Amino acid sequence: MINAAVVGLGWWGQKIVADLAGSEHLAVVLGVDPSEAARERVTGVRAVPTFGEALADDTVEAVILCTPHGKHAGQIVAAAEAGKHVFCEKPLTTDGQEARAAIAAVEKAGVQLGIGHERRFEPAVQRLRAMCGDGELGTPLVFEGNFSQDKFLALPPDNWRLSATAAPVGPLSATGIHLVDLAIAVFGRPVEVWARLGTLATGFANGDTLTVTLGFEGGRTALITAVLTTPFAGRVTVLGSRGWMEIRDRNHPENPRGWDVTTVFRGGEPATEFSPPHPSVRANLEAFAQAAAGGAAYPVTYDEMLANADTFEAITRSARSGRIERLG
């Protein structure tokens, strides 16, 4: 059992506290948030206002960061230097240099780093990755994904999630980065990106509509869309030389209701089956805790985390320049 502090008690931090209730691998023993109102919303957990208090608490073995993106790198380094394992909500960082500094710190300290890409822990996604890896779909050719939602319409205009500086390329940092991670899990590290970001239906300072093309070695491609005004829609498809598989979400991962999975092989008919709900957020956190305790290796590698950060940075450059951008 790893004792953890949840840092940031907003929407997602509150969900993590609730999801981990009764976990046999990870216990939330402390909440951290500068807002007194946020601290008061947490029941059954002691709460403090500063990150430093969590780092100085000997009962805390790990920190779970649910903080604005720009704070991640510094908080990861500080936690590692304090000997704490770190689970960080996505994105790890918004540029590759900060990601490298964060990973170097955890490696030097010998602590575990986890990342909030819970989609990897959905059974349907795990099956899709296995089918790509063992050749069941033939050669994987194209990855397609959409992850859209309208939850941010209820946020006040000054919320950090709508800031062009605190959350650059809003649809990417909100939802699209999950699809970038899955494309990396299937195809490896991208070599170039082309992105278009628009503000078409809102006043969001960081955009509401994003389309991204990721290019990989050998000509493979990922096509990703993310929108912050469309009612929830989620879909992941891999098209292979012998068949394809599509996963359609029935609901936002905040409250999973399962997935409709369609598979087609050459010469056959489409077959659709229901994949029941699965607590993927908790599964990710527990995998992190088990790795921190010396168990099975955490299934997202540091090289993949770096590829994700480098891709985020390149997408941001492309959205601003309008050009194809190479990864650093």
C-alpha atoms as a PDB file:
ATOM      1  CA  MET A   1       0.000   0.000   0.000  1.00  0.00           C
ATOM      2  CA  ILE A   2       1.374   3.398  -1.059  1.00  0.00           C
ATOM      3  CA  ASN A   3       0.190   6.490   0.848  1.00  0.00           C
ATOM      4  CA  ALA A   4      -0.416   9.437  -1.467  1.00  0.00           C
ATOM      5  CA  ALA A   5      -1.322  13.106  -1.459  1.00  0.00           C
ATOM      6  CA  VAL A   6      -3.628  14.425  -4.180  1.00  0.00           C
ATOM      7  CA  VAL A   7      -2.374  17.861  -5.180  1.00  0.00           C
ATOM      8  CA  GLY A   8      -5.129  19.957  -6.743  1.00  0.00           C
ATOM      9  CA  LEU A   9      -8.665  19.297  -5.544  1.00  0.00           C
ATOM     10  CA  GLY A  10     -10.643  20.562  -8.504  1.00  0.00           C
ATOM     11  CA  TRP A  11     -12.863  18.495 -10.818  1.00  0.00           C
ATOM     12  CA  TRP A  12     -10.328  15.778 -11.621  1.00  0.00           C
ATOM     13  CA  GLY A  13      -8.589  15.743  -8.249  1.00  0.00           C
ATOM     14  CA  GLN A  14     -11.942  15.128  -6.565  1.00  0.00           C
ATOM     15  CA  LYS A  15     -12.610  12.274  -8.994  1.00  0.00           C
ATOM     16  CA  ILE A  16      -9.282  10.639  -8.188  1.00  0.00           C
ATOM     17  CA  VAL A  17      -9.935  10.836  -4.444  1.00  0.00           C
ATOM     18  CA  ALA A  18     -13.325   9.160  -5.008  1.00  0.00           C
ATOM     19  CA  ASP A  19     -11.969   6.534  -7.427  1.00  0.00           C
ATOM     20  CA  LEU A  20      -9.269   5.421  -5.005  1.00  0.00           C
ATOM     21  CA  ALA A  21     -11.649   4.797  -2.105  1.00  0.00           C
ATOM     22  CA  GLY A  22     -11.120   1.201  -1.039  1.00  0.00           C
ATOM     23  CA  SER A  23      -8.059   0.625  -3.227  1.00  0.00           C
ATOM     24  CA  GLU A  24      -5.722  -2.085  -1.973  1.00  0.00           C
ATOM     25  CA  HIS A  25      -2.688  -0.453  -3.603  1.00  0.00           C
ATOM     26  CA  LEU A  26      -3.000   3.312  -3.125  1.00  0.00           C
ATOM     27  CA  ALA A  27      -4.439   5.240  -0.171  1.00  0.00           C
ATOM     28  CA  VAL A  28      -5.134   8.978  -0.311  1.00  0.00           C
ATOM     29  CA  VAL A  29      -3.973  10.299   3.049  1.00  0.00           C
ATOM     30  CA  LEU A  30      -3.729  13.994   2.216  1.00  0.00           C
ATOM     31  CA  GLY A  31      -5.312  16.587  -0.057  1.00  0.00           C
ATOM     32  CA  VAL A  32      -3.587  19.786  -1.164  1.00  0.00           C
ATOM     33  CA  ASP A  33      -5.215  22.917  -2.565  1.00  0.00           C
ATOM     34  CA  PRO A  34      -4.773  26.648  -1.886  1.00  0.00           C
ATOM     35  CA  SER A  35      -8.561  27.082  -2.030  1.00  0.00           C
ATOM     36  CA  GLU A  36     -10.284  26.603   1.307  1.00  0.00           C
ATOM     37  CA  ALA A  37     -13.529  25.777  -0.494  1.00  0.00           C
ATOM     38  CA  ALA A  38     -11.825  23.009  -2.457  1.00  0.00           C
ATOM     39  CA  ARG A  39     -10.268  21.580   0.696  1.00  0.00           C
ATOM     40  CA  GLU A  40     -13.639  21.549   2.424  1.00  0.00           C
ATOM     41  CA  ARG A  41     -15.181  19.520  -0.401  1.00  0.00           C
ATOM     42  CA  VAL A  42     -12.910  16.560   0.392  1.00  0.00           C
ATOM     43  CA  THR A  43     -14.400  14.251   2.996  1.00  0.00           C
ATOM     44  CA  GLY A  44     -12.488  11.735   5.058  1.00  0.00           C
ATOM     45  CA  VAL A  45      -9.066  13.111   4.050  1.00  0.00           C
ATOM     46  CA  ARG A  46      -6.933  15.682   5.827  1.00  0.00           C
ATOM     47  CA  ALA A  47      -6.286  18.698   3.580  1.00  0.00           C
ATOM     48  CA  VAL A  48      -3.588  21.389   3.600  1.00  0.00           C
ATOM     49  CA  PRO A  49      -3.044  24.517   1.475  1.00  0.00           C
ATOM     50  CA  THR A  50       0.541  24.094   0.207  1.00  0.00           C
ATOM     51  CA  PHE A  51       2.517  21.575  -1.822  1.00  0.00           C
ATOM     52  CA  GLY A  52       5.467  22.008   0.515  1.00  0.00           C
ATOM     53  CA  GLU A  53       3.441  20.591   3.386  1.00  0.00           C
ATOM     54  CA  ALA A  54       2.856  17.406   1.409  1.00  0.00           C
ATOM     55  CA  LEU A  55       6.560  17.081   0.576  1.00  0.00           C
ATOM     56  CA  ALA A  56       7.500  17.545   4.228  1.00  0.00           C
ATOM     57  CA  ASP A  57       4.984  14.944   5.446  1.00  0.00           C
ATOM     58  CA  ASP A  58       6.744  11.652   6.213  1.00  0.00           C
ATOM     59  CA  THR A  59       3.488   9.711   5.913  1.00  0.00           C
ATOM     60  CA  VAL A  60       3.206  10.714   2.236  1.00  0.00           C
ATOM     61  CA  GLU A  61       5.075   8.362  -0.084  1.00  0.00           C
ATOM     62  CA  ALA A  62       3.706   9.634  -3.389  1.00  0.00           C
ATOM     63  CA  VAL A  63       2.058  12.721  -4.841  1.00  0.00           C
ATOM     64  CA  ILE A  64      -0.676  12.747  -7.487  1.00  0.00           C
ATOM     65  CA  LEU A  65      -0.504  16.013  -9.416  1.00  0.00           C
ATOM     66  CA  CYS A  66      -3.819  17.429 -10.655  1.00  0.00           C
ATOM     67  CA  THR A  67      -2.410  20.914 -11.127  1.00  0.00           C
ATOM     68  CA  PRO A  68      -2.119  23.326 -14.079  1.00  0.00           C
ATOM     69  CA  HIS A  69       0.248  22.112 -16.789  1.00  0.00           C
ATOM     70  CA  GLY A  70       2.858  24.800 -16.257  1.00  0.00           C
ATOM     71  CA  LYS A  71       3.479  23.638 -12.687  1.00  0.00           C
ATOM     72  CA  HIS A  72       4.106  19.981 -13.533  1.00  0.00           C
ATOM     73  CA  ALA A  73       7.838  20.013 -14.279  1.00  0.00           C
ATOM     74  CA  GLY A  74       8.806  21.978 -11.169  1.00  0.00           C
ATOM     75  CA  GLN A  75       6.532  19.940  -8.934  1.00  0.00           C
ATOM     76  CA  ILE A  76       7.858  16.647 -10.315  1.00  0.00           C
ATOM     77  CA  VAL A  77      11.446  17.738  -9.678  1.00  0.00           C
ATOM     78  CA  ALA A  78      10.626  18.948  -6.151  1.00  0.00           C
ATOM     79  CA  ALA A  79       8.766  15.742  -5.317  1.00  0.00           C
ATOM     80  CA  ALA A  80      11.581  13.568  -6.633  1.00  0.00           C
ATOM     81  CA  GLU A  81      14.142  15.497  -4.610  1.00  0.00           C
ATOM     82  CA  ALA A  82      11.952  14.904  -1.546  1.00  0.00           C
ATOM     83  CA  GLY A  83      11.971  11.159  -2.265  1.00  0.00           C
ATOM     84  CA  LYS A  84       8.307  10.964  -3.300  1.00  0.00           C
ATOM     85  CA  HIS A  85       6.945   8.921  -6.194  1.00  0.00           C
ATOM     86  CA  VAL A  86       5.007  11.090  -8.662  1.00  0.00           C
ATOM     87  CA  PHE A  87       1.869  10.492 -10.674  1.00  0.00           C
ATOM     88  CA  CYS A  88       1.190  13.429 -12.977  1.00  0.00           C
ATOM     89  CA  GLU A  89      -2.025  14.178 -14.812  1.00  0.00           C
ATOM     90  CA  LYS A  90      -1.663  14.780 -18.536  1.00  0.00           C
ATOM     91  CA  PRO A  91       0.073  16.451 -20.191  1.00  0.00           C
ATOM     92  CA  LEU A  92       3.323  15.613 -18.426  1.00  0.00           C
ATOM     93  CA  THR A  93       4.717  18.911 -19.713  1.00  0.00           C
ATOM     94  CA  THR A  94       4.051  21.120 -22.712  1.00  0.00           C
ATOM     95  CA  ASP A  95       7.603  20.953 -24.045  1.00  0.00           C
ATOM     96  CA  GLY A  96      10.337  18.369 -24.344  1.00  0.00           C
ATOM     97  CA  GLN A  97      13.019  20.183 -22.378  1.00  0.00           C
ATOM     98  CA  GLU A  98      10.866  20.321 -19.245  1.00  0.00           C
ATOM     99  CA  ALA A  99       9.930  16.646 -19.671  1.00  0.00           C
ATOM    100  CA  ARG A 100      13.581  15.653 -19.869  1.00  0.00           C
ATOM    101  CA  ALA A 101      14.383  17.589 -16.704  1.00  0.00           C
ATOM    102  CA  ALA A 102      11.456  15.968 -14.870  1.00  0.00           C
ATOM    103  CA  ILE A 103      12.369  12.439 -15.936  1.00  0.00           C
ATOM    104  CA  ALA A 104      16.038  13.002 -15.129  1.00  0.00           C
ATOM    105  CA  ALA A 105      15.013  14.037 -11.600  1.00  0.00           C
ATOM    106  CA  VAL A 106      12.905  10.926 -10.933  1.00  0.00           C
ATOM    107  CA  GLU A 107      15.586   8.660 -12.366  1.00  0.00           C
ATOM    108  CA  LYS A 108      18.253  10.292 -10.198  1.00  0.00           C
ATOM    109  CA  ALA A 109      16.067   9.948  -7.104  1.00  0.00           C
ATOM    110  CA  GLY A 110      15.076   6.359  -7.906  1.00  0.00           C
ATOM    111  CA  VAL A 111      11.356   7.104  -7.627  1.00  0.00           C
ATOM    112  CA  GLN A 112       8.518   6.090  -9.963  1.00  0.00           C
ATOM    113  CA  LEU A 113       6.795   8.435 -12.396  1.00  0.00           C
ATOM    114  CA  GLY A 114       3.289   7.762 -13.710  1.00  0.00           C
ATOM    115  CA  ILE A 115       1.167   9.669 -16.212  1.00  0.00           C
ATOM    116  CA  GLY A 116      -2.607  10.193 -16.472  1.00  0.00           C
ATOM    117  CA  HIS A 117      -3.194   8.437 -19.784  1.00  0.00           C
ATOM    118  CA  GLU A 118      -5.926   6.121 -18.532  1.00  0.00           C
ATOM    119  CA  ARG A 119      -7.101   5.214 -22.029  1.00  0.00           C
ATOM    120  CA  ARG A 120      -4.254   2.707 -22.212  1.00  0.00           C
ATOM    121  CA  PHE A 121      -5.985   0.800 -19.417  1.00  0.00           C
ATOM    122  CA  GLU A 122      -9.315   0.373 -21.182  1.00  0.00           C
ATOM    123  CA  PRO A 123      -9.743  -3.337 -22.076  1.00  0.00           C
ATOM    124  CA  ALA A 124     -10.796  -2.540 -25.645  1.00  0.00           C
ATOM    125  CA  VAL A 125      -7.707  -0.382 -26.203  1.00  0.00           C
ATOM    126  CA  GLN A 126      -5.481  -3.092 -24.743  1.00  0.00           C
ATOM    127  CA  ARG A 127      -7.050  -5.584 -27.141  1.00  0.00           C
ATOM    128  CA  LEU A 128      -6.513  -3.200 -30.060  1.00  0.00           C
ATOM    129  CA  ARG A 129      -2.835  -2.771 -29.192  1.00  0.00           C
ATOM    130  CA  ALA A 130      -2.419  -6.532 -28.929  1.00  0.00           C
ATOM    131  CA  MET A 131      -4.025  -7.028 -32.359  1.00  0.00           C
ATOM    132  CA  CYS A 132      -1.662  -4.437 -33.828  1.00  0.00           C
ATOM    133  CA  GLY A 133       1.341  -6.011 -32.142  1.00  0.00           C
ATOM    134  CA  ASP A 134       0.683  -9.629 -33.128  1.00  0.00           C
ATOM    135  CA  GLY A 135      -0.255  -8.898 -36.728  1.00  0.00           C
ATOM    136  CA  GLU A 136      -3.919  -9.854 -36.441  1.00  0.00           C
ATOM    137  CA  LEU A 137      -4.866  -6.697 -38.362  1.00  0.00           C
ATOM    138  CA  GLY A 138      -1.978  -7.157 -40.751  1.00  0.00           C
ATOM    139  CA  THR A 139       0.315  -4.149 -40.997  1.00  0.00           C
ATOM    140  CA  PRO A 140      -1.140  -1.186 -39.054  1.00  0.00           C
ATOM    141  CA  LEU A 141      -1.426   1.651 -41.573  1.00  0.00           C
ATOM    142  CA  VAL A 142      -3.495   4.542 -40.230  1.00  0.00           C
ATOM    143  CA  PHE A 143      -4.647   5.606 -36.748  1.00  0.00           C
ATOM    144  CA  GLU A 144      -7.792   7.749 -36.514  1.00  0.00           C
ATOM    145  CA  GLY A 145      -9.148   9.280 -33.333  1.00  0.00           C
ATOM    146  CA  ASN A 146     -11.630  11.858 -32.075  1.00  0.00           C
ATOM    147  CA  PHE A 147     -12.127  12.970 -28.473  1.00  0.00           C
ATOM    148  CA  SER A 148     -14.538  15.879 -28.109  1.00  0.00           C
ATOM    149  CA  GLN A 149     -16.570  17.283 -25.240  1.00  0.00           C
ATOM    150  CA  ASP A 150     -18.489  20.383 -24.179  1.00  0.00           C
ATOM    151  CA  LYS A 151     -17.707  20.391 -20.449  1.00  0.00           C
ATOM    152  CA  PHE A 152     -15.599  23.550 -20.678  1.00  0.00           C
ATOM    153  CA  LEU A 153     -18.558  25.647 -21.814  1.00  0.00           C
ATOM    154  CA  ALA A 154     -19.566  25.906 -18.149  1.00  0.00           C
ATOM    155  CA  LEU A 155     -16.185  27.328 -17.059  1.00  0.00           C
ATOM    156  CA  PRO A 156     -15.747  31.044 -16.308  1.00  0.00           C
ATOM    157  CA  PRO A 157     -13.618  32.852 -18.923  1.00  0.00           C
ATOM    158  CA  ASP A 158     -10.724  33.312 -16.467  1.00  0.00           C
ATOM    159  CA  ASN A 159     -10.393  29.580 -15.710  1.00  0.00           C
ATOM    160  CA  TRP A 160      -6.824  28.404 -16.354  1.00  0.00           C
ATOM    161  CA  ARG A 161      -8.057  25.621 -18.648  1.00  0.00           C
ATOM    162  CA  LEU A 162      -9.118  28.304 -21.153  1.00  0.00           C
ATOM    163  CA  SER A 163      -5.868  30.255 -21.008  1.00  0.00           C
ATOM    164  CA  ALA A 164      -3.630  30.434 -24.088  1.00  0.00           C
ATOM    165  CA  THR A 165      -0.585  30.445 -21.811  1.00  0.00           C
ATOM    166  CA  ALA A 166      -1.567  28.066 -18.977  1.00  0.00           C
ATOM    167  CA  ALA A 167      -3.196  25.558 -21.377  1.00  0.00           C
ATOM    168  CA  PRO A 168      -1.832  26.196 -24.876  1.00  0.00           C
ATOM    169  CA  VAL A 169      -3.810  24.624 -27.727  1.00  0.00           C
ATOM    170  CA  GLY A 170      -6.817  23.969 -25.494  1.00  0.00           C
ATOM    171  CA  PRO A 171      -8.353  20.981 -27.302  1.00  0.00           C
ATOM    172  CA  LEU A 172      -4.955  19.257 -27.270  1.00  0.00           C
ATOM    173  CA  SER A 173      -4.230  19.618 -23.556  1.00  0.00           C
ATOM    174  CA  ALA A 174      -7.855  18.860 -22.639  1.00  0.00           C
ATOM    175  CA  THR A 175      -8.524  15.712 -24.672  1.00  0.00           C
ATOM    176  CA  GLY A 176      -6.433  15.370 -27.820  1.00  0.00           C
ATOM    177  CA  ILE A 177      -3.258  14.476 -25.954  1.00  0.00           C
ATOM    178  CA  HIS A 178      -4.846  11.145 -24.973  1.00  0.00           C
ATOM    179  CA  LEU A 179      -5.125  10.268 -28.669  1.00  0.00           C
ATOM    180  CA  VAL A 180      -1.553  11.398 -29.298  1.00  0.00           C
ATOM    181  CA  ASP A 181      -0.498   8.975 -26.563  1.00  0.00           C
ATOM    182  CA  LEU A 182      -2.451   6.090 -28.118  1.00  0.00           C
ATOM    183  CA  ALA A 183      -0.977   6.810 -31.549  1.00  0.00           C
ATOM    184  CA  ILE A 184       2.497   6.687 -29.985  1.00  0.00           C
ATOM    185  CA  ALA A 185       1.591   3.418 -28.253  1.00  0.00           C
ATOM    186  CA  VAL A 186       0.693   1.893 -31.644  1.00  0.00           C
ATOM    187  CA  PHE A 187       3.168   3.521 -34.052  1.00  0.00           C
ATOM    188  CA  GLY A 188       6.040   4.790 -31.891  1.00  0.00           C
ATOM    189  CA  ARG A 189       7.566   8.252 -31.952  1.00  0.00           C
ATOM    190  CA  PRO A 190       6.226  10.690 -34.596  1.00  0.00           C
ATOM    191  CA  VAL A 191       8.696  12.517 -36.818  1.00  0.00           C
ATOM    192  CA  GLU A 192       6.517  15.433 -37.957  1.00  0.00           C
ATOM    193  CA  VAL A 193       3.147  17.088 -37.298  1.00  0.00           C
ATOM    194  CA  TRP A 194       0.714  19.443 -39.007  1.00  0.00           C
ATOM    195  CA  ALA A 195      -1.971  21.086 -36.905  1.00  0.00           C
ATOM    196  CA  ARG A 196      -4.823  23.539 -37.411  1.00  0.00           C
ATOM    197  CA  LEU A 197      -6.381  25.281 -34.421  1.00  0.00           C
ATOM    198  CA  GLY A 198      -9.493  27.408 -34.670  1.00  0.00           C
ATOM    199  CA  THR A 199     -11.825  29.332 -32.400  1.00  0.00           C
ATOM    200  CA  LEU A 200     -15.040  28.735 -34.309  1.00  0.00           C
ATOM    201  CA  ALA A 201     -17.880  28.495 -31.801  1.00  0.00           C
ATOM    202  CA  THR A 202     -16.675  29.982 -28.492  1.00  0.00           C
ATOM    203  CA  GLY A 203     -14.593  32.803 -27.085  1.00  0.00           C
ATOM    204  CA  PHE A 204     -11.933  30.441 -25.696  1.00  0.00           C
ATOM    205  CA  ALA A 205      -8.517  32.119 -25.778  1.00  0.00           C
ATOM    206  CA  ASN A 206      -6.795  28.804 -26.536  1.00  0.00           C
ATOM    207  CA  GLY A 207      -9.117  27.603 -29.307  1.00  0.00           C
ATOM    208  CA  ASP A 208     -12.017  25.189 -29.502  1.00  0.00           C
ATOM    209  CA  THR A 209     -11.386  23.100 -32.644  1.00  0.00           C
ATOM    210  CA  LEU A 210      -8.200  21.148 -33.403  1.00  0.00           C
ATOM    211  CA  THR A 211      -7.172  18.828 -36.214  1.00  0.00           C
ATOM    212  CA  VAL A 212      -3.763  17.160 -36.219  1.00  0.00           C
ATOM    213  CA  THR A 213      -1.884  14.949 -38.658  1.00  0.00           C
ATOM    214  CA  LEU A 214       1.026  13.018 -37.174  1.00  0.00           C
ATOM    215  CA  GLY A 215       3.608  11.518 -39.511  1.00  0.00           C
ATOM    216  CA  PHE A 216       5.663   8.487 -38.484  1.00  0.00           C
ATOM    217  CA  GLU A 217       8.667   6.714 -39.978  1.00  0.00           C
ATOM    218  CA  GLY A 218       7.793   4.566 -42.977  1.00  0.00           C
ATOM    219  CA  GLY A 219       4.765   6.607 -44.046  1.00  0.00           C
ATOM    220  CA  ARG A 220       2.301   5.675 -41.297  1.00  0.00           C
ATOM    221  CA  THR A 221      -0.099   8.419 -40.260  1.00  0.00           C
ATOM    222  CA  ALA A 222      -2.377   9.369 -37.375  1.00  0.00           C
ATOM    223  CA  LEU A 223      -5.361  11.680 -37.894  1.00  0.00           C
ATOM    224  CA  ILE A 224      -6.674  13.277 -34.700  1.00  0.00           C
ATOM    225  CA  THR A 225      -9.523  15.684 -33.971  1.00  0.00           C
ATOM    226  CA  ALA A 226     -10.516  17.314 -30.686  1.00  0.00           C
ATOM    227  CA  VAL A 227     -13.328  19.826 -30.172  1.00  0.00           C
ATOM    228  CA  LEU A 228     -14.368  21.685 -26.995  1.00  0.00           C
ATOM    229  CA  THR A 229     -17.930  22.618 -27.969  1.00  0.00           C
ATOM    230  CA  THR A 230     -19.330  19.406 -29.473  1.00  0.00           C
ATOM    231  CA  PRO A 231     -21.314  17.121 -27.123  1.00  0.00           C
ATOM    232  CA  PHE A 232     -19.188  14.170 -26.064  1.00  0.00           C
ATOM    233  CA  ALA A 233     -17.851  12.016 -28.861  1.00  0.00           C
ATOM    234  CA  GLY A 234     -15.019   9.515 -28.619  1.00  0.00           C
ATOM    235  CA  ARG A 235     -13.665   7.142 -31.227  1.00  0.00           C
ATOM    236  CA  VAL A 236     -10.408   5.313 -31.923  1.00  0.00           C
ATOM    237  CA  THR A 237      -9.776   3.312 -35.099  1.00  0.00           C
ATOM    238  CA  VAL A 238      -6.749   1.504 -36.510  1.00  0.00           C
ATOM    239  CA  LEU A 239      -6.858   0.537 -40.172  1.00  0.00           C
ATOM    240  CA  GLY A 240      -4.604  -2.381 -41.026  1.00  0.00           C
ATOM    241  CA  SER A 241      -3.707  -4.235 -44.215  1.00  0.00           C
ATOM    242  CA  ARG A 242      -5.896  -7.242 -43.254  1.00  0.00           C
ATOM    243  CA  GLY A 243      -8.611  -5.597 -41.182  1.00  0.00           C
ATOM    244  CA  TRP A 244      -9.614  -2.736 -38.941  1.00  0.00           C
ATOM    245  CA  MET A 245     -10.942  -2.144 -35.452  1.00  0.00           C
ATOM    246  CA  GLU A 246     -12.996   0.762 -34.125  1.00  0.00           C
ATOM    247  CA  ILE A 247     -13.700   1.601 -30.481  1.00  0.00           C
ATOM    248  CA  ARG A 248     -16.583   3.983 -29.771  1.00  0.00           C
ATOM    249  CA  ASP A 249     -16.983   5.416 -26.274  1.00  0.00           C
ATOM    250  CA  ARG A 250     -20.466   5.526 -24.790  1.00  0.00           C
ATOM    251  CA  ASN A 251     -19.553   8.250 -22.304  1.00  0.00           C
ATOM    252  CA  HIS A 252     -16.773  10.490 -21.033  1.00  0.00           C
ATOM    253  CA  PRO A 253     -14.072   8.625 -19.024  1.00  0.00           C
ATOM    254  CA  GLU A 254     -15.203  10.572 -15.959  1.00  0.00           C
ATOM    255  CA  ASN A 255     -18.118   8.133 -15.777  1.00  0.00           C
ATOM    256  CA  PRO A 256     -17.397   5.223 -18.161  1.00  0.00           C
ATOM    257  CA  ARG A 257     -20.370   3.323 -19.556  1.00  0.00           C
ATOM    258  CA  GLY A 258     -18.479   0.944 -21.792  1.00  0.00           C
ATOM    259  CA  TRP A 259     -17.468   0.815 -25.426  1.00  0.00           C
ATOM    260  CA  ASP A 260     -18.868  -0.512 -28.699  1.00  0.00           C
ATOM    261  CA  VAL A 261     -16.113  -2.352 -30.528  1.00  0.00           C
ATOM    262  CA  THR A 262     -16.351  -3.227 -34.222  1.00  0.00           C
ATOM    263  CA  THR A 263     -13.836  -5.495 -35.954  1.00  0.00           C
ATOM    264  CA  VAL A 264     -13.620  -6.382 -39.635  1.00  0.00           C
ATOM    265  CA  PHE A 265     -11.241  -8.781 -41.376  1.00  0.00           C
ATOM    266  CA  ARG A 266     -10.755  -9.200 -45.097  1.00  0.00           C
ATOM    267  CA  GLY A 267     -13.448 -11.441 -46.541  1.00  0.00           C
ATOM    268  CA  GLY A 268     -15.623 -11.205 -43.414  1.00  0.00           C
ATOM    269  CA  GLU A 269     -18.522  -9.164 -42.131  1.00  0.00           C
ATOM    270  CA  PRO A 270     -18.302  -6.435 -39.451  1.00  0.00           C
ATOM    271  CA  ALA A 271     -18.742  -7.809 -35.932  1.00  0.00           C
ATOM    272  CA  THR A 272     -19.693  -5.447 -33.106  1.00  0.00           C
ATOM    273  CA  GLU A 273     -19.571  -6.314 -29.427  1.00  0.00           C
ATOM    274  CA  PHE A 274     -19.999  -4.393 -26.189  1.00  0.00           C
ATOM    275  CA  SER A 275     -17.031  -3.915 -23.874  1.00  0.00           C
ATOM    276  CA  PRO A 276     -18.437  -3.224 -20.391  1.00  0.00           C
ATOM    277  CA  PRO A 277     -17.382  -0.296 -18.177  1.00  0.00           C
ATOM    278  CA  HIS A 278     -13.962  -0.518 -16.585  1.00  0.00           C
ATOM    279  CA  PRO A 279     -12.369   1.775 -13.959  1.00  0.00           C
ATOM    280  CA  SER A 280      -9.426   2.746 -16.155  1.00  0.00           C
ATOM    281  CA  VAL A 281      -8.473   5.826 -14.096  1.00  0.00           C
ATOM    282  CA  ARG A 282      -8.103   3.693 -10.992  1.00  0.00           C
ATOM    283  CA  ALA A 283      -6.354   0.916 -12.937  1.00  0.00           C
ATOM    284  CA  ASN A 284      -3.719   3.395 -14.122  1.00  0.00           C
ATOM    285  CA  LEU A 285      -3.118   4.755 -10.623  1.00  0.00           C
ATOM    286  CA  GLU A 286      -2.886   1.264  -9.146  1.00  0.00           C
ATOM    287  CA  ALA A 287      -0.393   0.186 -11.821  1.00  0.00           C
ATOM    288  CA  PHE A 288       1.709   3.203 -10.835  1.00  0.00           C
ATOM    289  CA  ALA A 289       1.452   2.274  -7.136  1.00  0.00           C
ATOM    290  CA  GLN A 290       2.436  -1.340  -7.799  1.00  0.00           C
ATOM    291  CA  ALA A 291       5.472  -0.216  -9.786  1.00  0.00           C
ATOM    292  CA  ALA A 292       6.417   2.220  -7.011  1.00  0.00           C
ATOM    293  CA  ALA A 293       6.211  -0.654  -4.516  1.00  0.00           C
ATOM    294  CA  GLY A 294       8.598  -2.763  -6.593  1.00  0.00           C
ATOM    295  CA  GLY A 295       6.023  -4.789  -8.511  1.00  0.00           C
ATOM    296  CA  ALA A 296       5.409  -5.021 -12.250  1.00  0.00           C
ATOM    297  CA  ALA A 297       6.961  -2.309 -14.400  1.00  0.00           C
ATOM    298  CA  TYR A 298       4.722   0.647 -15.158  1.00  0.00           C
ATOM    299  CA  PRO A 299       3.387   0.122 -18.703  1.00  0.00           C
ATOM    300  CA  VAL A 300       4.053   3.637 -20.045  1.00  0.00           C
ATOM    301  CA  THR A 301       7.780   4.026 -20.659  1.00  0.00           C
ATOM    302  CA  TYR A 302       9.740   7.204 -20.110  1.00  0.00           C
ATOM    303  CA  ASP A 303      10.653   7.233 -23.817  1.00  0.00           C
ATOM    304  CA  GLU A 304       6.921   7.299 -24.631  1.00  0.00           C
ATOM    305  CA  MET A 305       6.364  10.124 -22.137  1.00  0.00           C
ATOM    306  CA  LEU A 306       9.169  12.106 -23.810  1.00  0.00           C
ATOM    307  CA  ALA A 307       7.733  11.417 -27.266  1.00  0.00           C
ATOM    308  CA  ASN A 308       4.386  12.719 -26.055  1.00  0.00           C
ATOM    309  CA  ALA A 309       5.903  15.933 -24.679  1.00  0.00           C
ATOM    310  CA  ASP A 310       7.937  16.506 -27.841  1.00  0.00           C
ATOM    311  CA  THR A 311       4.793  15.960 -29.930  1.00  0.00           C
ATOM    312  CA  PHE A 312       2.810  18.406 -27.777  1.00  0.00           C
ATOM    313  CA  GLU A 313       5.503  21.020 -28.348  1.00  0.00           C
ATOM    314  CA  ALA A 314       5.582  20.392 -32.115  1.00  0.00           C
ATOM    315  CA  ILE A 315       1.765  20.558 -32.381  1.00  0.00           C
ATOM    316  CA  THR A 316       1.818  23.893 -30.540  1.00  0.00           C
ATOM    317  CA  ARG A 317       4.424  25.236 -32.970  1.00  0.00           C
ATOM    318  CA  SER A 318       2.460  23.984 -35.969  1.00  0.00           C
ATOM    319  CA  ALA A 319      -0.826  25.448 -34.702  1.00  0.00           C
ATOM    320  CA  ARG A 320       0.881  28.822 -34.490  1.00  0.00           C
ATOM    321  CA  SER A 321       2.919  28.651 -37.705  1.00  0.00           C
ATOM    322  CA  GLY A 322       0.480  26.803 -39.949  1.00  0.00           C
ATOM    323  CA  ARG A 323       3.378  24.709 -41.216  1.00  0.00           C
ATOM    324  CA  ILE A 324       4.523  21.113 -40.894  1.00  0.00           C
ATOM    325  CA  GLU A 325       6.846  20.964 -37.905  1.00  0.00           C
ATOM    326  CA  ARG A 326       9.504  18.348 -37.216  1.00  0.00           C
ATOM    327  CA  LEU A 327       9.898  16.895 -33.750  1.00  0.00           C
ATOM    328  CA  GLY A 328      12.965  17.999 -31.862  1.00  0.00           C
END
